[in-house]
Amino acid sequence: MANQEAAGPPSDFIRDIVKEDLRTGKRGGRVCTRFPPEPNGYLHIGHAKSINLNYGIAREFGGRFNLRFDDTNPVKEEQEYVDSIIDDVRWLGADYGGRVLFASDYFEQMYRWAVELVRKGMAYVCDLAADEVTAYRGTLTRPGRDSPYRGRPVEENLDLLERMRRGEFPDGSRTLRARIDMASPNLNMRDPVMYRIMHAPHHRTGGAWCIYPTYDWAHGLEDSIEGITHSICTLEFENHRPLYDWFLDALGIHHPQQIEFARLNLMYTVLSKRRLLELVQEGRVRGWDDPRMPTVSGLRRRGYTPEAVREFCRRIGVAKFDGVVDIGLLEHCLREDLNRRSPRVMGVLRPLRVVIENYPEGRAEEVEAVNNPEDPSAGVRRVPFGRVLYIEREDFMEEPPKEFFRLAPGREVRLRYAYFIKCIGAVKDPRTGEPAEIRCTYDPATRGGDAPDGRKVKATLHWVSAAHAAAAEVRVYDHLFTKADPDDVEPGQDWKSNLNPRSEEVLTGCPVEPGLASAGPGSRFQFERLGYFCVDNDSRPGALVFNRTVALKDPWAKIQKGHRAR
């Protein structure tokens, strides 16, 4: 993005570490980072921050960036998630050199290293059930107890581990554990599980394995195998770092440097794959790519651009301490980008019929409209105009208050790119008493400009010609949650009690410019005075569907302007 380049390269404590490592020649001057998602769900905006950070560092320092899947739990992982993650990483613009790597590529090597630790007396097969392992581990204030199987001879452990691999034992009956320190103040060091028995097919290896490495055992090994120099993780892995170090030191293999940073927390949303999966499975959203979801695919479907997401990540920066980011900043970055690139069009969400009585019946003409005032090269388009139009229902009031400057009886306004019109009456719906049709006259001398006699109007309205309009379904979105912190709940309630029942409003029969009839999914536009909209994936020829990406009003920009003024 232009403003991203103008701002210069980012600076943060992680980049400072990398710069110092390069200055001192540490690791031979190499830089290799990675993004290691588990394929148990779709990526969200928090993952986008990690991708942007890891790929950005590799790009800035002439290094390599790996995309690697931590596919060590076949029960929760699916090929669908793998495919979606690859699409999202590509969309965000991260270049992984065409290499898609998997933890499952290293299963055999990991197993050989496990055997090595068993031979060294540093790992053992344990027969405790999962709840017993937890009970034996102790608490933060009470040390753990040794497993009764901790003293098994090496040869017996080797035999049992091989039989575990061959599938001789049922799920959960045995684990392989590291022999470290059951009294360690760090619970992660209290003989953690390295392998568990799971007779479940893997999406890549099929039935080749029935024991699978835990994340703690696999994570550091994968980084080591790939020659990762800077293993960048979120803060929840800080207490796991001593364990990763212990495994790497015990094996005497390449040792990446782990650096932790604060994960993204965003107002009015949740960034937990487990919670997002609940929303999908319970049918509270349309799916992982629902435009209300904070997933990358949901943002893309809603109309976000990768440039806007990257700019957001640049602006929030990288910190060592947790905080919460105002979602208004994300929307501000989006508006800035869409304002530059989006063609302007006219559409009406809640139509009110207007008849121009002194406009000849059967006549039609075209007016010239600017495609994008931010981009002169975008040129102009021709928009049809006729006797019958649609305007927004909220642009008319029979008894307007003093501060209302739009259409009212006896009042004159400008139609964007067209004429001045003056309201001379309204036809009401006999059932509701609400205006159903507005009667107006127009001034032919005001086409595309001001009145020759110098009279002024205080409002300009968008409109669509009724005879030429294409009909569209428009989905208008609000925050998925009613509270900035979804966990702010009353006693006895959970986070889902804060779901916003009005997070999606579906409007049908919305008239839009006829030129939009051929717009394909993913096309973005600014509906003048209404906001930015994107053609949804559900859209088909003759059945247009738009999502409102974001409204035009930018509270964040107003807040920042106030800060600068002070």
Protein backbone atom coordinates (compact mmCIF):
# COMPACT_ATOMS: atom_id res chain seq x y z
CA MET A 1 0.00 0.00 0.00
CA ALA A 2 1.16 3.51 -0.75
CA ASN A 3 0.81 4.79 2.81
CA GLN A 4 2.50 1.67 4.15
CA GLU A 5 5.55 2.34 2.00
CA ALA A 6 5.54 6.02 2.96
CA ALA A 7 5.53 5.09 6.63
CA GLY A 8 8.83 3.23 6.23
CA PRO A 9 9.73 -0.22 7.55
CA PRO A 10 8.22 -1.12 10.92
CA SER A 11 10.32 -1.33 14.06
CA ASP A 12 9.66 -3.44 17.16
CA PHE A 13 11.50 -5.47 19.76
CA ILE A 14 11.47 -8.63 17.63
CA ARG A 15 13.00 -6.89 14.63
CA ASP A 16 15.58 -5.34 16.97
CA ILE A 17 16.57 -8.86 18.07
CA VAL A 18 16.88 -10.00 14.46
CA LYS A 19 18.96 -6.95 13.55
CA GLU A 20 21.34 -7.62 16.45
CA ASP A 21 21.65 -11.31 15.48
CA LEU A 22 22.58 -10.29 11.94
CA ARG A 23 25.06 -7.70 13.20
CA THR A 24 26.85 -10.28 15.34
CA GLY A 25 26.67 -13.04 12.72
CA LYS A 26 24.60 -15.29 14.94
CA ARG A 27 23.34 -18.40 13.11
CA GLY A 28 25.58 -17.58 10.20
CA GLY A 29 23.59 -14.47 9.35
CA ARG A 30 20.54 -16.52 8.37
CA VAL A 31 16.92 -15.55 8.94
CA CYS A 32 14.19 -18.15 8.62
CA THR A 33 10.72 -17.70 10.08
CA ARG A 34 7.53 -19.71 9.82
CA PHE A 35 3.78 -19.67 10.30
CA PRO A 36 2.76 -23.00 11.89
CA PRO A 37 -1.06 -23.29 12.08
CA GLU A 38 -2.86 -26.37 13.27
CA PRO A 39 -5.44 -27.32 10.59
CA ASN A 40 -8.33 -27.57 13.05
CA GLY A 41 -10.21 -24.47 11.92
CA TYR A 42 -10.08 -21.42 9.68
CA LEU A 43 -7.58 -18.61 10.20
CA HIS A 44 -8.74 -15.39 11.87
CA ILE A 45 -7.47 -11.82 12.06
CA GLY A 46 -5.12 -12.77 14.91
CA HIS A 47 -3.40 -15.27 12.62
CA ALA A 48 -3.13 -12.53 10.00
CA LYS A 49 -1.08 -10.53 12.50
CA SER A 50 1.28 -13.49 12.97
CA ILE A 51 1.56 -14.11 9.22
CA ASN A 52 2.27 -10.44 8.59
CA LEU A 53 4.94 -10.41 11.30
CA ASN A 54 6.72 -13.62 10.33
CA TYR A 55 6.63 -13.04 6.59
CA GLY A 56 7.47 -9.37 7.02
CA ILE A 57 10.64 -10.19 8.97
CA ALA A 58 11.75 -12.79 6.43
CA ARG A 59 11.16 -10.37 3.55
CA GLU A 60 12.80 -7.38 5.22
CA PHE A 61 15.97 -9.26 6.16
CA GLY A 62 16.39 -11.34 3.02
CA GLY A 63 15.36 -14.56 4.73
CA ARG A 64 13.00 -17.45 4.13
CA PHE A 65 9.41 -17.90 5.26
CA ASN A 66 7.85 -21.34 5.75
CA LEU A 67 4.20 -22.33 5.82
CA ARG A 68 4.01 -25.44 7.97
CA PHE A 69 0.99 -27.28 9.30
CA ASP A 70 1.17 -28.70 12.84
CA ASP A 71 -1.02 -31.65 11.89
CA THR A 72 -0.45 -33.81 14.96
CA ASN A 73 -4.08 -34.36 16.05
CA PRO A 74 -6.06 -36.32 13.41
CA VAL A 75 -9.28 -36.19 15.45
CA LYS A 76 -9.67 -32.42 14.98
CA GLU A 77 -7.90 -31.79 11.67
CA GLU A 78 -9.33 -31.84 8.16
CA GLN A 79 -8.16 -31.26 4.60
CA GLU A 80 -10.81 -28.53 4.31
CA TYR A 81 -8.90 -26.52 6.90
CA VAL A 82 -5.58 -27.10 5.14
CA ASP A 83 -7.01 -25.83 1.86
CA SER A 84 -8.60 -22.78 3.46
CA ILE A 85 -5.39 -21.84 5.28
CA ILE A 86 -3.35 -22.05 2.08
CA ASP A 87 -5.90 -19.80 0.33
CA ASP A 88 -5.81 -17.28 3.19
CA VAL A 89 -2.02 -17.11 3.36
CA ARG A 90 -1.85 -16.53 -0.39
CA TRP A 91 -4.58 -13.87 -0.21
CA LEU A 92 -2.68 -12.02 2.51
CA GLY A 93 0.32 -11.87 0.18
CA ALA A 94 2.78 -14.01 2.14
CA ASP A 95 5.21 -15.78 -0.20
CA TYR A 96 6.22 -19.18 1.16
CA GLY A 97 8.10 -20.13 -1.99
CA GLY A 98 5.59 -22.77 -3.00
CA ARG A 99 6.68 -24.99 -0.11
CA VAL A 100 3.79 -26.34 1.94
CA LEU A 101 5.28 -28.27 4.86
CA PHE A 102 3.65 -30.57 7.41
CA ALA A 103 4.57 -31.93 10.81
CA SER A 104 3.43 -35.29 9.46
CA ASP A 105 6.38 -35.15 7.04
CA TYR A 106 8.59 -35.54 10.11
CA PHE A 107 6.70 -38.24 12.02
CA GLU A 108 9.36 -40.88 11.40
CA GLN A 109 12.20 -38.59 12.49
CA MET A 110 10.28 -37.54 15.61
CA TYR A 111 9.73 -41.16 16.50
CA ARG A 112 13.44 -41.96 16.11
CA TRP A 113 14.27 -39.04 18.41
CA ALA A 114 11.74 -40.37 20.95
CA VAL A 115 13.49 -43.74 20.85
CA GLU A 116 16.80 -41.93 21.44
CA LEU A 117 15.48 -40.26 24.58
CA VAL A 118 14.13 -43.57 25.84
CA ARG A 119 17.58 -45.14 25.30
CA LYS A 120 19.11 -42.27 27.28
CA GLY A 121 16.70 -42.88 30.15
CA MET A 122 15.07 -39.49 29.51
CA ALA A 123 11.63 -40.81 28.51
CA TYR A 124 9.39 -43.67 29.64
CA VAL A 125 6.10 -45.38 28.82
CA CYS A 126 3.42 -44.57 31.39
CA ASP A 127 0.22 -46.55 31.99
CA LEU A 128 -1.61 -43.83 33.91
CA ALA A 129 -4.92 -42.71 32.42
CA ALA A 130 -5.29 -39.06 31.37
CA ASP A 131 -7.11 -38.04 34.57
CA GLU A 132 -4.47 -39.82 36.66
CA VAL A 133 -1.66 -38.01 34.84
CA THR A 134 -3.38 -34.74 35.71
CA ALA A 135 -3.83 -35.72 39.35
CA TYR A 136 -0.19 -36.80 39.68
CA ARG A 137 1.04 -33.54 38.13
CA GLY A 138 0.17 -31.49 41.21
CA THR A 139 -0.62 -27.78 41.27
CA LEU A 140 1.19 -24.45 41.26
CA THR A 141 1.53 -24.70 45.03
CA ARG A 142 1.94 -28.47 45.37
CA PRO A 143 4.65 -30.51 43.63
CA GLY A 144 3.73 -33.47 41.49
CA ARG A 145 4.22 -37.17 42.28
CA ASP A 146 6.28 -39.62 40.29
CA SER A 147 4.33 -42.00 38.11
CA PRO A 148 4.59 -45.58 39.38
CA TYR A 149 5.91 -46.43 35.89
CA ARG A 150 8.66 -43.81 35.92
CA GLY A 151 11.31 -46.35 36.87
CA ARG A 152 10.65 -48.85 34.09
CA PRO A 153 13.84 -50.29 32.60
CA VAL A 154 14.98 -48.89 29.26
CA GLU A 155 14.48 -52.16 27.39
CA GLU A 156 10.92 -52.53 28.65
CA ASN A 157 10.15 -48.94 27.62
CA LEU A 158 11.58 -49.55 24.14
CA ASP A 159 9.51 -52.70 23.74
CA LEU A 160 6.31 -51.01 24.91
CA LEU A 161 6.88 -47.97 22.69
CA GLU A 162 7.34 -50.18 19.63
CA ARG A 163 4.18 -52.11 20.50
CA MET A 164 2.32 -48.81 20.93
CA ARG A 165 3.39 -47.94 17.41
CA ARG A 166 2.22 -51.30 16.09
CA GLY A 167 -1.25 -50.66 17.51
CA GLU A 168 -1.33 -53.36 20.18
CA PHE A 169 -2.89 -51.14 22.86
CA PRO A 170 -6.21 -49.27 22.99
CA ASP A 171 -6.58 -45.51 22.92
CA GLY A 172 -5.58 -43.77 26.13
CA SER A 173 -4.09 -46.85 27.73
CA ARG A 174 -0.48 -45.71 27.55
CA THR A 175 1.58 -42.59 26.80
CA LEU A 176 5.21 -41.81 26.29
CA ARG A 177 6.40 -39.17 28.76
CA ALA A 178 9.61 -37.21 29.18
CA ARG A 179 11.44 -37.84 32.49
CA ILE A 180 12.23 -34.32 33.70
CA ASP A 181 11.20 -33.03 37.16
CA MET A 182 7.88 -33.65 38.91
CA ALA A 183 8.73 -30.92 41.44
CA SER A 184 9.47 -28.21 38.87
CA PRO A 185 7.68 -24.89 39.51
CA ASN A 186 6.83 -24.95 35.79
CA LEU A 187 4.03 -27.47 35.34
CA ASN A 188 5.05 -27.98 31.72
CA MET A 189 8.27 -29.60 32.94
CA ARG A 190 6.54 -32.22 35.10
CA ASP A 191 7.09 -35.24 32.88
CA PRO A 192 5.04 -34.00 29.90
CA VAL A 193 3.38 -36.42 27.48
CA MET A 194 5.24 -36.85 24.19
CA TYR A 195 3.05 -39.47 22.44
CA ARG A 196 -0.50 -40.66 22.91
CA ILE A 197 -2.34 -43.59 21.36
CA MET A 198 -5.04 -42.55 18.86
CA HIS A 199 -6.43 -45.13 16.46
CA ALA A 200 -7.67 -42.47 14.05
CA PRO A 201 -6.92 -41.96 10.35
CA HIS A 202 -4.81 -38.93 9.52
CA HIS A 203 -5.77 -36.68 6.60
CA ARG A 204 -2.31 -37.19 5.05
CA THR A 205 -0.81 -40.39 6.48
CA GLY A 206 -4.02 -42.41 6.58
CA GLY A 207 -3.67 -45.37 8.93
CA ALA A 208 0.13 -45.48 8.96
CA TRP A 209 0.27 -44.25 12.55
CA CYS A 210 -1.76 -44.93 15.66
CA ILE A 211 0.47 -42.92 18.01
CA TYR A 212 0.74 -39.19 17.48
CA PRO A 213 3.15 -36.61 18.90
CA THR A 214 1.82 -33.95 21.23
CA TYR A 215 2.21 -30.33 20.22
CA ASP A 216 4.85 -29.72 22.91
CA TRP A 217 7.00 -32.58 21.64
CA ALA A 218 6.57 -31.78 17.96
CA HIS A 219 6.75 -27.98 17.93
CA GLY A 220 10.44 -27.42 18.62
CA LEU A 221 11.49 -30.44 16.57
CA GLU A 222 9.72 -29.13 13.47
CA ASP A 223 11.45 -25.77 13.85
CA SER A 224 14.78 -27.52 14.27
CA ILE A 225 14.35 -29.75 11.21
CA GLU A 226 13.48 -26.73 9.05
CA GLY A 227 16.38 -24.64 10.32
CA ILE A 228 14.10 -21.95 11.74
CA THR A 229 16.22 -19.18 13.25
CA HIS A 230 13.56 -17.15 15.03
CA SER A 231 10.58 -19.11 16.35
CA ILE A 232 8.04 -16.37 16.93
CA CYS A 233 5.13 -17.35 19.19
CA THR A 234 2.38 -15.67 21.18
CA LEU A 235 2.76 -15.14 24.92
CA GLU A 236 0.86 -18.25 25.99
CA PHE A 237 3.87 -20.30 24.83
CA GLU A 238 6.35 -18.44 27.04
CA ASN A 239 6.04 -21.00 29.84
CA HIS A 240 6.54 -23.80 27.29
CA ARG A 241 9.87 -22.45 26.11
CA PRO A 242 11.92 -24.21 28.84
CA LEU A 243 10.38 -27.51 27.73
CA TYR A 244 11.18 -26.91 24.06
CA ASP A 245 14.73 -26.01 25.11
CA TRP A 246 15.01 -29.19 27.18
CA PHE A 247 13.99 -31.41 24.28
CA LEU A 248 16.37 -29.71 21.82
CA ASP A 249 19.28 -29.75 24.27
CA ALA A 250 18.65 -33.41 25.17
CA LEU A 251 18.84 -34.34 21.49
CA GLY A 252 21.70 -31.98 20.69
CA ILE A 253 20.04 -30.63 17.54
CA HIS A 254 19.63 -27.18 15.95
CA HIS A 255 18.17 -24.77 18.48
CA PRO A 256 15.94 -21.95 17.16
CA GLN A 257 15.45 -18.85 19.30
CA GLN A 258 11.89 -18.56 20.56
CA ILE A 259 10.51 -15.03 20.95
CA GLU A 260 7.04 -14.34 22.33
CA PHE A 261 4.74 -11.44 21.53
CA ALA A 262 1.23 -10.42 22.58
CA ARG A 263 -1.60 -11.96 20.63
CA LEU A 264 -4.29 -9.80 19.08
CA ASN A 265 -7.41 -9.10 21.13
CA LEU A 266 -10.12 -7.22 19.25
CA MET A 267 -13.25 -5.51 20.57
CA TYR A 268 -16.68 -6.97 19.78
CA THR A 269 -15.35 -10.33 18.69
CA VAL A 270 -13.76 -13.58 19.86
CA LEU A 271 -10.50 -14.93 18.51
CA SER A 272 -10.63 -18.48 19.74
CA LYS A 273 -10.92 -21.24 17.15
CA ARG A 274 -12.83 -23.33 19.67
CA ARG A 275 -15.42 -20.60 20.14
CA LEU A 276 -15.61 -19.82 16.45
CA LEU A 277 -16.19 -23.52 15.77
CA GLU A 278 -19.07 -23.47 18.27
CA LEU A 279 -20.71 -20.60 16.38
CA VAL A 280 -20.41 -22.56 13.13
CA GLN A 281 -21.59 -25.91 14.53
CA GLU A 282 -24.56 -24.35 16.34
CA GLY A 283 -25.69 -22.50 13.20
CA ARG A 284 -25.34 -19.07 14.77
CA VAL A 285 -23.50 -17.89 11.64
CA ARG A 286 -23.62 -18.98 8.00
CA GLY A 287 -20.27 -20.77 8.25
CA TRP A 288 -16.56 -20.11 8.77
CA ASP A 289 -16.66 -17.50 6.00
CA ASP A 290 -19.72 -15.68 7.30
CA PRO A 291 -19.01 -11.94 6.79
CA ARG A 292 -19.61 -11.35 10.52
CA MET A 293 -16.83 -13.76 11.48
CA PRO A 294 -13.30 -12.48 12.24
CA THR A 295 -11.89 -15.24 10.04
CA VAL A 296 -9.72 -14.23 7.10
CA SER A 297 -12.21 -15.88 4.75
CA GLY A 298 -15.06 -14.03 6.44
CA LEU A 299 -13.26 -10.70 6.07
CA ARG A 300 -12.54 -11.49 2.42
CA ARG A 301 -16.18 -12.39 1.75
CA ARG A 302 -17.31 -9.20 3.47
CA GLY A 303 -15.14 -7.14 1.12
CA TYR A 304 -11.93 -6.51 3.05
CA THR A 305 -8.73 -6.15 1.04
CA PRO A 306 -5.40 -7.78 1.95
CA GLU A 307 -3.82 -4.33 1.81
CA ALA A 308 -6.18 -3.05 4.51
CA VAL A 309 -5.48 -6.05 6.75
CA ARG A 310 -1.72 -5.63 6.33
CA GLU A 311 -1.95 -1.92 7.11
CA PHE A 312 -3.94 -2.69 10.24
CA CYS A 313 -1.26 -5.14 11.35
CA ARG A 314 1.42 -2.55 10.70
CA ARG A 315 -0.38 0.10 12.74
CA ILE A 316 -1.07 -2.03 15.80
CA GLY A 317 2.56 -3.11 15.85
CA VAL A 318 4.09 -5.82 18.03
CA ALA A 319 4.11 -5.65 21.82
CA LYS A 320 5.22 -7.80 24.74
CA PHE A 321 2.12 -7.17 26.83
CA ASP A 322 -1.51 -8.06 26.14
CA GLY A 323 -3.98 -5.35 25.23
CA VAL A 324 -7.25 -4.88 23.37
CA VAL A 325 -7.45 -3.16 19.99
CA ASP A 326 -10.44 -1.02 19.02
CA ILE A 327 -12.16 -2.62 16.04
CA GLY A 328 -12.65 0.93 14.76
CA LEU A 329 -8.97 0.99 13.77
CA LEU A 330 -9.44 -2.07 11.56
CA GLU A 331 -12.45 -0.45 9.90
CA HIS A 332 -10.55 2.83 9.50
CA CYS A 333 -7.72 1.06 7.63
CA LEU A 334 -10.33 -0.57 5.42
CA ARG A 335 -12.08 2.72 4.61
CA GLU A 336 -8.79 4.36 3.70
CA ASP A 337 -7.99 1.60 1.23
CA LEU A 338 -11.49 1.23 -0.25
CA ASN A 339 -11.84 4.98 -0.66
CA ARG A 340 -8.90 4.94 -3.07
CA ARG A 341 -9.87 1.87 -5.07
CA SER A 342 -13.66 1.52 -5.03
CA PRO A 343 -15.82 2.67 -7.99
CA ARG A 344 -18.74 4.84 -6.93
CA VAL A 345 -22.25 3.69 -7.76
CA MET A 346 -25.77 4.42 -6.57
CA GLY A 347 -28.04 1.97 -4.84
CA VAL A 348 -31.05 2.36 -2.56
CA LEU A 349 -31.48 0.10 0.47
CA ARG A 350 -34.96 1.14 1.67
CA PRO A 351 -36.65 2.50 -1.45
CA LEU A 352 -39.29 5.19 -1.63
CA ARG A 353 -40.88 5.81 -5.03
CA VAL A 354 -40.61 9.29 -6.54
CA VAL A 355 -42.64 10.46 -9.55
CA ILE A 356 -41.50 13.62 -11.34
CA GLU A 357 -44.77 14.93 -12.66
CA ASN A 358 -43.39 17.44 -15.19
CA TYR A 359 -40.87 14.99 -16.64
CA PRO A 360 -42.20 13.59 -19.95
CA GLU A 361 -43.66 10.08 -19.75
CA GLY A 362 -41.74 7.50 -21.76
CA ARG A 363 -38.63 9.66 -21.90
CA ALA A 364 -35.24 8.45 -20.64
CA GLU A 365 -31.81 10.04 -20.67
CA GLU A 366 -28.35 9.41 -19.31
CA VAL A 367 -26.39 11.59 -16.91
CA GLU A 368 -22.64 11.54 -16.48
CA ALA A 369 -21.33 10.25 -13.13
CA VAL A 370 -17.78 10.22 -11.76
CA ASN A 371 -16.46 6.72 -11.08
CA ASN A 372 -13.99 7.68 -8.34
CA PRO A 373 -13.08 11.25 -7.34
CA GLU A 374 -9.92 9.86 -5.67
CA ASP A 375 -8.74 8.40 -8.99
CA PRO A 376 -9.18 10.63 -12.06
CA SER A 377 -8.03 7.78 -14.30
CA ALA A 378 -11.19 5.85 -13.34
CA GLY A 379 -13.17 8.09 -15.70
CA VAL A 380 -16.93 8.47 -15.83
CA ARG A 381 -19.99 6.34 -16.51
CA ARG A 382 -23.46 6.98 -17.95
CA VAL A 383 -26.39 6.49 -15.55
CA PRO A 384 -30.00 6.28 -16.84
CA PHE A 385 -32.54 8.80 -15.54
CA GLY A 386 -36.32 8.77 -15.96
CA ARG A 387 -39.67 10.00 -14.71
CA VAL A 388 -39.91 7.47 -11.85
CA LEU A 389 -37.05 7.08 -9.38
CA TYR A 390 -36.25 5.52 -6.04
CA ILE A 391 -34.68 7.41 -3.16
CA GLU A 392 -33.94 6.33 0.40
CA ARG A 393 -37.04 6.33 2.59
CA GLU A 394 -35.11 8.18 5.31
CA ASP A 395 -34.40 11.04 2.85
CA PHE A 396 -38.04 12.21 3.08
CA MET A 397 -40.02 13.54 6.04
CA GLU A 398 -43.48 15.07 5.97
CA GLU A 399 -42.90 17.14 9.11
CA PRO A 400 -39.15 17.55 9.31
CA PRO A 401 -37.33 18.96 12.36
CA LYS A 402 -35.26 22.11 11.96
CA GLU A 403 -31.97 20.23 11.36
CA PHE A 404 -33.40 18.00 8.60
CA PHE A 405 -32.31 19.35 5.18
CA ARG A 406 -33.42 16.60 2.84
CA LEU A 407 -36.69 16.21 0.94
CA ALA A 408 -39.93 17.47 2.50
CA PRO A 409 -43.15 19.08 1.20
CA GLY A 410 -42.27 22.33 -0.54
CA ARG A 411 -38.56 21.72 -0.23
CA GLU A 412 -36.05 21.43 -3.08
CA VAL A 413 -32.97 19.14 -3.19
CA ARG A 414 -30.39 18.09 -5.74
CA LEU A 415 -30.35 14.61 -7.28
CA ARG A 416 -26.74 13.50 -7.58
CA TYR A 417 -25.41 14.15 -11.13
CA ALA A 418 -28.93 15.08 -12.31
CA TYR A 419 -31.49 17.80 -11.49
CA PHE A 420 -33.03 19.83 -8.71
CA ILE A 421 -36.39 18.37 -7.69
CA LYS A 422 -39.08 19.90 -5.47
CA CYS A 423 -41.63 17.93 -3.44
CA ILE A 424 -45.23 18.92 -4.15
CA GLY A 425 -47.00 16.13 -2.32
CA ALA A 426 -47.04 12.58 -1.02
CA VAL A 427 -49.31 9.58 -1.60
CA LYS A 428 -49.85 7.55 1.54
CA ASP A 429 -50.34 3.83 2.04
CA PRO A 430 -53.98 3.52 3.20
CA ARG A 431 -53.08 0.61 5.49
CA THR A 432 -50.17 2.17 7.35
CA GLY A 433 -50.54 5.88 6.74
CA GLU A 434 -46.87 6.01 5.73
CA PRO A 435 -45.75 7.75 2.52
CA ALA A 436 -45.78 5.26 -0.37
CA GLU A 437 -44.95 7.66 -3.19
CA ILE A 438 -43.57 11.18 -3.44
CA ARG A 439 -44.74 13.62 -6.11
CA CYS A 440 -42.17 16.12 -7.34
CA THR A 441 -41.31 18.54 -10.12
CA TYR A 442 -37.88 19.07 -11.61
CA ASP A 443 -36.02 22.07 -13.02
CA PRO A 444 -34.62 21.16 -16.50
CA ALA A 445 -32.13 24.05 -16.26
CA THR A 446 -30.24 22.41 -13.36
CA ARG A 447 -28.99 19.29 -15.16
CA GLY A 448 -25.67 18.28 -13.64
CA GLY A 449 -25.07 21.66 -12.03
CA ASP A 450 -26.40 24.65 -10.09
CA ALA A 451 -29.53 26.62 -10.80
CA PRO A 452 -28.98 29.46 -13.32
CA ASP A 453 -30.72 31.89 -11.00
CA GLY A 454 -28.25 31.16 -8.22
CA ARG A 455 -30.64 29.50 -5.77
CA LYS A 456 -29.07 26.93 -3.47
CA VAL A 457 -30.14 23.63 -1.97
CA LYS A 458 -28.87 22.11 1.27
CA ALA A 459 -28.94 18.42 0.36
CA THR A 460 -27.90 16.10 -2.44
CA LEU A 461 -29.61 12.71 -2.64
CA HIS A 462 -28.62 9.51 -4.40
CA TRP A 463 -31.25 7.78 -6.51
CA VAL A 464 -31.89 4.98 -9.00
CA SER A 465 -34.15 5.06 -12.06
CA ALA A 466 -37.06 2.67 -11.48
CA ALA A 467 -37.34 1.68 -15.15
CA HIS A 468 -33.68 0.69 -15.39
CA ALA A 469 -32.81 -0.61 -11.92
CA ALA A 470 -31.38 -4.01 -11.16
CA ALA A 471 -32.80 -5.63 -8.02
CA ALA A 472 -30.44 -6.84 -5.31
CA GLU A 473 -30.46 -8.50 -1.93
CA VAL A 474 -28.30 -6.51 0.48
CA ARG A 475 -26.98 -7.87 3.76
CA VAL A 476 -26.17 -5.16 6.29
CA TYR A 477 -23.88 -6.17 9.14
CA ASP A 478 -23.22 -4.96 12.65
CA HIS A 479 -20.85 -6.25 15.33
CA LEU A 480 -21.28 -9.94 16.08
CA PHE A 481 -21.46 -9.13 19.81
CA THR A 482 -23.32 -6.41 21.66
CA LYS A 483 -20.47 -5.76 24.09
CA ALA A 484 -16.87 -4.81 23.39
CA ASP A 485 -15.85 -7.66 25.71
CA PRO A 486 -17.99 -10.72 24.92
CA ASP A 487 -16.94 -12.24 28.27
CA ASP A 488 -18.60 -9.39 30.19
CA VAL A 489 -21.63 -11.42 31.28
CA GLU A 490 -24.10 -11.66 34.10
CA PRO A 491 -23.80 -14.56 36.61
CA GLY A 492 -25.04 -17.79 35.09
CA GLN A 493 -24.53 -16.63 31.50
CA ASP A 494 -21.75 -17.32 29.04
CA TRP A 495 -20.12 -15.36 26.22
CA LYS A 496 -22.80 -16.41 23.72
CA SER A 497 -25.41 -14.46 25.69
CA ASN A 498 -23.78 -11.34 24.23
CA LEU A 499 -24.33 -12.38 20.61
CA ASN A 500 -25.99 -9.55 18.70
CA PRO A 501 -29.43 -10.69 17.41
CA ARG A 502 -29.30 -7.83 14.88
CA SER A 503 -25.80 -8.50 13.58
CA GLU A 504 -27.26 -9.24 10.13
CA GLU A 505 -30.16 -7.50 8.41
CA VAL A 506 -31.22 -8.86 5.01
CA LEU A 507 -32.87 -6.34 2.68
CA THR A 508 -34.51 -7.59 -0.51
CA GLY A 509 -35.60 -5.83 -3.69
CA CYS A 510 -33.03 -3.06 -3.34
CA PRO A 511 -32.74 -1.07 -6.61
CA VAL A 512 -29.20 -0.50 -7.84
CA GLU A 513 -27.66 0.95 -10.99
CA PRO A 514 -28.19 -1.37 -13.99
CA GLY A 515 -24.45 -1.53 -14.61
CA LEU A 516 -24.08 -3.64 -11.44
CA ALA A 517 -26.13 -6.51 -12.86
CA SER A 518 -22.99 -8.14 -14.29
CA ALA A 519 -20.75 -7.58 -11.24
CA GLY A 520 -19.08 -10.79 -10.13
CA PRO A 521 -18.48 -12.10 -6.60
CA GLY A 522 -15.77 -10.17 -4.79
CA SER A 523 -16.34 -6.93 -6.73
CA ARG A 524 -16.23 -3.91 -4.41
CA PHE A 525 -18.09 -0.62 -4.71
CA GLN A 526 -18.92 2.47 -2.75
CA PHE A 527 -22.67 2.99 -2.69
CA GLU A 528 -22.75 6.77 -2.49
CA ARG A 529 -23.78 8.05 0.95
CA LEU A 530 -24.30 4.48 2.24
CA GLY A 531 -20.94 2.78 2.57
CA TYR A 532 -18.75 0.20 0.89
CA PHE A 533 -20.30 -2.97 -0.49
CA CYS A 534 -19.03 -6.22 -1.95
CA VAL A 535 -20.76 -8.73 -4.22
CA ASP A 536 -21.29 -11.88 -2.13
CA ASN A 537 -20.37 -15.43 -3.12
CA ASP A 538 -24.09 -16.27 -3.21
CA SER A 539 -24.65 -13.80 -6.05
CA ARG A 540 -25.72 -15.22 -9.42
CA PRO A 541 -26.78 -13.66 -12.75
CA GLY A 542 -30.24 -12.25 -12.15
CA ALA A 543 -29.89 -12.69 -8.38
CA LEU A 544 -27.51 -10.02 -7.11
CA VAL A 545 -26.38 -10.25 -3.47
CA PHE A 546 -24.31 -7.54 -1.77
CA ASN A 547 -22.68 -7.40 1.64
CA ARG A 548 -22.12 -4.07 3.29
CA THR A 549 -18.43 -4.13 4.07
CA VAL A 550 -18.35 -1.02 6.22
CA ALA A 551 -20.33 2.21 6.59
CA LEU A 552 -18.96 5.53 5.37
CA LYS A 553 -18.92 7.12 8.82
CA ASP A 554 -15.46 6.80 10.36
CA PRO A 555 -15.55 7.28 14.16
CA TRP A 556 -11.85 6.37 14.45
CA ALA A 557 -10.77 9.19 12.16
CA LYS A 558 -12.88 11.63 14.20
CA ILE A 559 -11.30 10.42 17.44
CA GLN A 560 -7.80 10.77 16.02
CA LYS A 561 -8.58 14.25 14.73
CA GLY A 562 -9.70 15.22 18.23
CA HIS A 563 -6.49 13.86 19.73
CA ARG A 564 -4.38 15.86 17.30
CA ALA A 565 -6.37 19.01 18.07
CA ARG A 566 -5.70 18.62 21.80
